[in-house]
Amino acid sequence: YVPFTMYFEGHKYHEIADHLTIPIGTVKTRIHVARKLLKKNLKSYDNGVKKAIYVNED
């Protein structure tokens, strides 16, 4: 997710939208989804051991 990477680097929503020529709402949605996936993946680690991850791509 390019928007999440740019956001993580410190860019503002409007800067990302302008750079990628996409609506700001799309930027916010993509960042939200990326943050949820990151959180889910980080929770799969327990004491340094990765557990199985089941992704539901509905």
Protein backbone atom coordinates (compact mmCIF):
# COMPACT_ATOMS: atom_id res chain seq x y z
CA TYR A 1 0.00 0.00 0.00
CA VAL A 2 1.73 3.11 -1.25
CA PRO A 3 -0.57 5.51 0.66
CA PHE A 4 0.29 3.79 3.96
CA THR A 5 4.01 3.95 3.20
CA MET A 6 3.78 7.66 2.41
CA TYR A 7 1.67 8.24 5.55
CA PHE A 8 4.23 6.32 7.63
CA GLU A 9 6.96 8.56 6.17
CA GLY A 10 5.09 11.60 7.48
CA HIS A 11 3.12 12.84 4.49
CA LYS A 12 -0.31 14.38 5.06
CA TYR A 13 -3.47 12.89 3.55
CA HIS A 14 -3.83 15.73 1.05
CA GLU A 15 -0.18 15.38 -0.04
CA ILE A 16 -0.66 11.68 -0.69
CA ALA A 17 -3.88 12.30 -2.61
CA ASP A 18 -2.23 14.97 -4.75
CA HIS A 19 0.84 12.83 -5.44
CA LEU A 20 -1.19 9.76 -6.43
CA THR A 21 -4.01 11.79 -8.06
CA ILE A 22 -6.69 9.96 -6.09
CA PRO A 23 -9.46 11.31 -3.84
CA ILE A 24 -8.55 12.01 -0.22
CA GLY A 25 -11.30 9.61 0.89
CA THR A 26 -9.56 6.81 -1.00
CA VAL A 27 -6.30 7.66 0.75
CA LYS A 28 -7.98 7.51 4.15
CA THR A 29 -9.66 4.19 3.34
CA ARG A 30 -6.46 2.58 2.07
CA ILE A 31 -4.51 3.74 5.12
CA HIS A 32 -7.25 2.47 7.43
CA VAL A 33 -7.24 -0.96 5.75
CA ALA A 34 -3.44 -1.15 5.81
CA ARG A 35 -3.34 -0.26 9.52
CA LYS A 36 -5.93 -2.96 10.29
CA LEU A 37 -3.91 -5.57 8.38
CA LEU A 38 -0.71 -4.50 10.12
CA LYS A 39 -2.37 -4.70 13.53
CA LYS A 40 -3.76 -8.15 12.74
CA ASN A 41 -0.38 -9.40 11.53
CA LEU A 42 1.44 -8.00 14.55
CA LYS A 43 -1.02 -9.74 16.86
CA SER A 44 -0.08 -13.04 15.23
CA TYR A 45 3.30 -12.88 16.98
CA ASP A 46 3.47 -14.32 20.48
CA ASN A 47 6.81 -14.27 22.30
CA GLY A 48 8.67 -14.05 19.02
CA VAL A 49 6.92 -17.07 17.49
CA LYS A 50 4.67 -16.43 14.56
CA LYS A 51 1.27 -18.08 14.69
CA ALA A 52 -0.77 -19.04 11.65
CA ILE A 53 -2.64 -16.17 10.05
CA TYR A 54 -5.97 -16.72 8.37
CA VAL A 55 -6.97 -13.88 6.08
CA ASN A 56 -10.59 -13.47 5.08
CA GLU A 57 -10.56 -11.43 1.88
CA ASP A 58 -14.26 -10.57 1.67
